Amino acid sequence: MYKDIISYQLADGVTEQHLFKVASKIIDSWMQAQPGFVKWEIHSNAEGSYTDIVYWESKAVAQKAELAMANMTEANEWYACYKTETIKTLKLTELVRLEPASL
């Protein structure tokens, strides 16, 4: 499993409801059609920042999707949700998943 983790602050005037509306459009019109896409989570913290975690089957499919973003029709509306200077990205590859042993 591969994860893109993006933290950011919302642009001035952008509400959570607007962010969720735009994210739903992105999922329906583009993201779910990307090979290897698993899911997208949006989180917030007490300081008012947001963190998205986008799950992909592999690094290779995530990189292909990133290149395909240039052709996404909703890209401008999506990017307008964020204060550009606050965006930070981590790209993580899952090495092992440790879970409690079943009884």
C-alpha atoms as a PDB file:
ATOM      1  CA  MET A   1       0.000   0.000   0.000  1.00  0.00           C
ATOM      2  CA  TYR A   2       1.210   3.487  -0.840  1.00  0.00           C
ATOM      3  CA  LYS A   3      -0.095   6.694   0.746  1.00  0.00           C
ATOM      4  CA  ASP A   4       0.077  10.328  -0.273  1.00  0.00           C
ATOM      5  CA  ILE A   5      -0.319  12.490   2.830  1.00  0.00           C
ATOM      6  CA  ILE A   6      -1.037  16.136   2.149  1.00  0.00           C
ATOM      7  CA  SER A   7      -1.414  18.751   4.887  1.00  0.00           C
ATOM      8  CA  TYR A   8      -2.747  22.238   4.214  1.00  0.00           C
ATOM      9  CA  GLN A   9      -4.912  25.110   5.371  1.00  0.00           C
ATOM     10  CA  LEU A  10      -8.064  26.132   3.581  1.00  0.00           C
ATOM     11  CA  ALA A  11      -7.936  29.223   1.404  1.00  0.00           C
ATOM     12  CA  ASP A  12      -9.673  32.321   2.739  1.00  0.00           C
ATOM     13  CA  GLY A  13     -13.431  32.006   2.401  1.00  0.00           C
ATOM     14  CA  VAL A  14     -13.405  28.254   1.747  1.00  0.00           C
ATOM     15  CA  THR A  15     -15.597  26.280   4.133  1.00  0.00           C
ATOM     16  CA  GLU A  16     -15.357  22.619   5.044  1.00  0.00           C
ATOM     17  CA  GLN A  17     -18.651  22.061   3.247  1.00  0.00           C
ATOM     18  CA  HIS A  18     -17.191  23.511   0.049  1.00  0.00           C
ATOM     19  CA  LEU A  19     -14.053  21.401   0.426  1.00  0.00           C
ATOM     20  CA  PHE A  20     -16.165  18.251   0.835  1.00  0.00           C
ATOM     21  CA  LYS A  21     -18.320  19.170  -2.179  1.00  0.00           C
ATOM     22  CA  VAL A  22     -15.268  19.651  -4.390  1.00  0.00           C
ATOM     23  CA  ALA A  23     -13.646  16.468  -3.033  1.00  0.00           C
ATOM     24  CA  SER A  24     -16.818  14.512  -3.859  1.00  0.00           C
ATOM     25  CA  LYS A  25     -16.691  15.842  -7.429  1.00  0.00           C
ATOM     26  CA  ILE A  26     -13.036  14.794  -7.724  1.00  0.00           C
ATOM     27  CA  ILE A  27     -13.808  11.287  -6.443  1.00  0.00           C
ATOM     28  CA  ASP A  28     -16.794  10.836  -8.772  1.00  0.00           C
ATOM     29  CA  SER A  29     -15.349  12.370 -11.926  1.00  0.00           C
ATOM     30  CA  TRP A  30     -11.666  11.469 -11.766  1.00  0.00           C
ATOM     31  CA  MET A  31     -10.123   9.698  -8.803  1.00  0.00           C
ATOM     32  CA  GLN A  32     -12.219   6.528  -8.770  1.00  0.00           C
ATOM     33  CA  ALA A  33     -11.342   6.022 -12.444  1.00  0.00           C
ATOM     34  CA  GLN A  34      -7.608   5.999 -11.672  1.00  0.00           C
ATOM     35  CA  PRO A  35      -6.170   2.472 -11.677  1.00  0.00           C
ATOM     36  CA  GLY A  36      -4.952   1.507  -8.217  1.00  0.00           C
ATOM     37  CA  PHE A  37      -6.915   4.150  -6.299  1.00  0.00           C
ATOM     38  CA  VAL A  38      -8.142   2.751  -2.957  1.00  0.00           C
ATOM     39  CA  LYS A  39      -9.584   5.613  -0.888  1.00  0.00           C
ATOM     40  CA  TRP A  40      -9.211   9.243   0.178  1.00  0.00           C
ATOM     41  CA  GLU A  41      -9.625  10.460   3.766  1.00  0.00           C
ATOM     42  CA  ILE A  42      -9.816  14.091   4.877  1.00  0.00           C
ATOM     43  CA  HIS A  43      -8.835  14.845   8.489  1.00  0.00           C
ATOM     44  CA  SER A  44      -8.669  18.049  10.547  1.00  0.00           C
ATOM     45  CA  ASN A  45      -6.809  18.998  13.701  1.00  0.00           C
ATOM     46  CA  ALA A  46      -7.420  21.406  16.579  1.00  0.00           C
ATOM     47  CA  GLU A  47      -5.207  24.083  14.975  1.00  0.00           C
ATOM     48  CA  GLY A  48      -7.447  24.364  11.915  1.00  0.00           C
ATOM     49  CA  SER A  49      -5.194  22.509   9.490  1.00  0.00           C
ATOM     50  CA  TYR A  50      -6.282  19.624   7.301  1.00  0.00           C
ATOM     51  CA  THR A  51      -4.581  16.411   6.266  1.00  0.00           C
ATOM     52  CA  ASP A  52      -5.633  14.257   3.355  1.00  0.00           C
ATOM     53  CA  ILE A  53      -4.526  10.633   3.156  1.00  0.00           C
ATOM     54  CA  VAL A  54      -4.887   9.130  -0.304  1.00  0.00           C
ATOM     55  CA  TYR A  55      -4.362   5.374  -0.499  1.00  0.00           C
ATOM     56  CA  TRP A  56      -3.003   3.703  -3.638  1.00  0.00           C
ATOM     57  CA  GLU A  57      -2.170   0.097  -4.414  1.00  0.00           C
ATOM     58  CA  SER A  58       1.420   1.047  -5.261  1.00  0.00           C
ATOM     59  CA  LYS A  59       3.824   3.925  -5.753  1.00  0.00           C
ATOM     60  CA  ALA A  60       3.788   3.341  -9.514  1.00  0.00           C
ATOM     61  CA  VAL A  61       0.011   3.836  -9.858  1.00  0.00           C
ATOM     62  CA  ALA A  62       0.137   6.897  -7.591  1.00  0.00           C
ATOM     63  CA  GLN A  63       2.806   8.461  -9.783  1.00  0.00           C
ATOM     64  CA  LYS A  64       0.758   7.775 -12.943  1.00  0.00           C
ATOM     65  CA  ALA A  65      -2.281   9.391 -11.341  1.00  0.00           C
ATOM     66  CA  GLU A  66      -0.212  12.406 -10.324  1.00  0.00           C
ATOM     67  CA  LEU A  67       0.833  12.888 -13.958  1.00  0.00           C
ATOM     68  CA  ALA A  68      -2.784  12.482 -15.097  1.00  0.00           C
ATOM     69  CA  MET A  69      -3.891  15.308 -12.778  1.00  0.00           C
ATOM     70  CA  ALA A  70      -2.872  17.779 -15.485  1.00  0.00           C
ATOM     71  CA  ASN A  71      -5.880  16.572 -17.519  1.00  0.00           C
ATOM     72  CA  MET A  72      -8.393  16.784 -14.664  1.00  0.00           C
ATOM     73  CA  THR A  73     -11.179  19.245 -15.515  1.00  0.00           C
ATOM     74  CA  GLU A  74     -11.896  20.150 -11.860  1.00  0.00           C
ATOM     75  CA  ALA A  75      -8.238  20.846 -11.006  1.00  0.00           C
ATOM     76  CA  ASN A  76      -8.612  24.621 -10.676  1.00  0.00           C
ATOM     77  CA  GLU A  77     -11.627  24.342  -8.373  1.00  0.00           C
ATOM     78  CA  TRP A  78      -9.774  21.763  -6.260  1.00  0.00           C
ATOM     79  CA  TYR A  79      -6.538  23.752  -5.976  1.00  0.00           C
ATOM     80  CA  ALA A  80      -8.501  26.913  -5.113  1.00  0.00           C
ATOM     81  CA  CYS A  81      -9.532  25.240  -1.832  1.00  0.00           C
ATOM     82  CA  TYR A  82      -5.977  25.424  -0.457  1.00  0.00           C
ATOM     83  CA  LYS A  83      -3.591  28.133   0.704  1.00  0.00           C
ATOM     84  CA  THR A  84      -0.782  27.155  -1.648  1.00  0.00           C
ATOM     85  CA  GLU A  85       1.997  28.205   0.718  1.00  0.00           C
ATOM     86  CA  THR A  86       0.719  25.831   3.429  1.00  0.00           C
ATOM     87  CA  ILE A  87       0.727  22.617   1.369  1.00  0.00           C
ATOM     88  CA  LYS A  88       3.136  19.924   2.568  1.00  0.00           C
ATOM     89  CA  THR A  89       3.329  16.417   1.157  1.00  0.00           C
ATOM     90  CA  LEU A  90       4.607  13.078   2.431  1.00  0.00           C
ATOM     91  CA  LYS A  91       4.719   9.975   0.271  1.00  0.00           C
ATOM     92  CA  LEU A  92       4.776   6.764   2.298  1.00  0.00           C
ATOM     93  CA  THR A  93       5.153   3.137   1.330  1.00  0.00           C
ATOM     94  CA  GLU A  94       3.733   0.660   3.810  1.00  0.00           C
ATOM     95  CA  LEU A  95       6.408  -1.807   4.863  1.00  0.00           C
ATOM     96  CA  VAL A  96       4.459  -3.894   7.325  1.00  0.00           C
ATOM     97  CA  ARG A  97       1.031  -3.774   8.953  1.00  0.00           C
ATOM     98  CA  LEU A  98       1.044  -4.874  12.567  1.00  0.00           C
ATOM     99  CA  GLU A  99      -2.290  -5.899  13.977  1.00  0.00           C
ATOM    100  CA  PRO A 100      -3.251  -7.551  17.232  1.00  0.00           C
ATOM    101  CA  ALA A 101      -3.271 -11.330  17.096  1.00  0.00           C
ATOM    102  CA  SER A 102      -6.755 -12.748  17.190  1.00  0.00           C
ATOM    103  CA  LEU A 103      -7.677 -14.686  20.316  1.00  0.00           C
END
